[in-house]
Amino acid sequence: MKRTTVVLDEAALEAARQLSGRLHLSMSEVMRRALLDYRDKMVGVTPEFRDQRVKALNRLFDLFQGHDAREEIRRLKTEDEGY
């Protein structure tokens, strides 16, 4: 990591404080995440990150293969009747 100084106007400073408190993160972590998120939106995600997302999606497909959502909902509703 590299340390740097950032100059913020009052609105940006207040936004960083609000997000820091709401997310329970340091203000520097809030700004780091915001910067990376903005970069991803403007430039697109890296091929490595895209590959990670595709692998995660494929893992979900594997985990839920053969899963019957209607049956699970029916079972959960039946279980909830006892409460």
Protein backbone atom coordinates (compact mmCIF):
# COMPACT_ATOMS: atom_id res chain seq x y z
CA MET A 1 0.00 0.00 0.00
CA LYS A 2 0.99 3.59 -0.54
CA ARG A 3 0.01 6.49 1.68
CA THR A 4 -1.31 9.65 0.03
CA THR A 5 -3.10 12.85 0.95
CA VAL A 6 -6.55 13.62 -0.41
CA VAL A 7 -8.21 17.02 -0.25
CA LEU A 8 -12.00 16.80 0.12
CA ASP A 9 -14.63 19.49 0.06
CA GLU A 10 -17.26 19.50 2.83
CA ALA A 11 -19.79 17.46 0.83
CA ALA A 12 -17.27 14.73 -0.03
CA LEU A 13 -15.96 14.66 3.54
CA GLU A 14 -19.47 14.30 4.94
CA ALA A 15 -20.23 11.52 2.45
CA ALA A 16 -17.05 9.68 3.49
CA ARG A 17 -17.99 10.06 7.18
CA GLN A 18 -21.55 8.83 6.60
CA LEU A 19 -20.43 5.80 4.63
CA SER A 20 -17.69 5.08 7.13
CA GLY A 21 -20.17 5.02 9.99
CA ARG A 22 -22.85 3.13 8.12
CA LEU A 23 -20.46 0.46 6.80
CA HIS A 24 -18.26 0.33 9.92
CA LEU A 25 -15.16 0.96 7.81
CA SER A 26 -12.38 3.51 7.97
CA MET A 27 -12.79 6.56 5.76
CA SER A 28 -9.74 5.48 3.75
CA GLU A 29 -11.33 2.06 3.10
CA VAL A 30 -14.58 3.76 2.04
CA MET A 31 -12.70 5.95 -0.43
CA ARG A 32 -10.63 3.02 -1.72
CA ARG A 33 -13.77 0.97 -2.38
CA ALA A 34 -15.55 3.93 -4.00
CA LEU A 35 -12.60 4.57 -6.29
CA LEU A 36 -12.39 0.94 -7.40
CA ASP A 37 -16.15 0.74 -7.89
CA TYR A 38 -16.13 3.90 -10.02
CA ARG A 39 -13.23 2.56 -12.08
CA ASP A 40 -15.08 -0.72 -12.66
CA LYS A 41 -18.19 1.17 -13.79
CA MET A 42 -16.28 3.49 -16.12
CA VAL A 43 -13.62 1.13 -17.51
CA GLY A 44 -15.08 -2.27 -16.79
CA VAL A 45 -13.87 -4.98 -14.51
CA THR A 46 -10.57 -6.74 -15.05
CA PRO A 47 -10.55 -10.06 -16.90
CA GLU A 48 -9.41 -11.74 -13.67
CA PHE A 49 -12.38 -10.36 -11.72
CA ARG A 50 -14.76 -11.34 -14.50
CA ASP A 51 -13.33 -14.88 -14.42
CA GLN A 52 -13.88 -15.02 -10.65
CA ARG A 53 -17.52 -13.99 -11.09
CA VAL A 54 -18.06 -16.59 -13.83
CA LYS A 55 -16.52 -19.30 -11.62
CA ALA A 56 -18.77 -18.28 -8.71
CA LEU A 57 -21.85 -18.36 -10.95
CA ASN A 58 -20.91 -21.78 -12.30
CA ARG A 59 -20.41 -23.01 -8.72
CA LEU A 60 -23.94 -21.82 -7.88
CA PHE A 61 -25.31 -23.65 -10.91
CA ASP A 62 -23.60 -26.82 -9.67
CA LEU A 63 -24.90 -26.38 -6.13
CA PHE A 64 -28.50 -25.88 -7.23
CA GLN A 65 -28.62 -28.47 -10.00
CA GLY A 66 -31.63 -30.68 -9.43
CA HIS A 67 -33.02 -28.30 -6.82
CA ASP A 68 -36.80 -28.03 -6.84
CA ALA A 69 -37.67 -24.53 -5.67
CA ARG A 70 -41.41 -25.21 -5.65
CA GLU A 71 -40.91 -28.22 -3.39
CA GLU A 72 -38.75 -26.24 -0.99
CA ILE A 73 -41.29 -23.41 -0.81
CA ARG A 74 -44.06 -25.94 -0.17
CA ARG A 75 -41.98 -27.59 2.57
CA LEU A 76 -41.16 -24.26 4.22
CA LYS A 77 -44.80 -23.16 4.18
CA THR A 78 -45.79 -26.47 5.77
CA GLU A 79 -43.16 -26.03 8.47
CA ASP A 80 -44.28 -22.45 9.11
CA GLU A 81 -47.87 -23.55 9.76
CA GLY A 82 -46.74 -24.85 13.15
CA TYR A 83 -45.66 -21.39 14.33
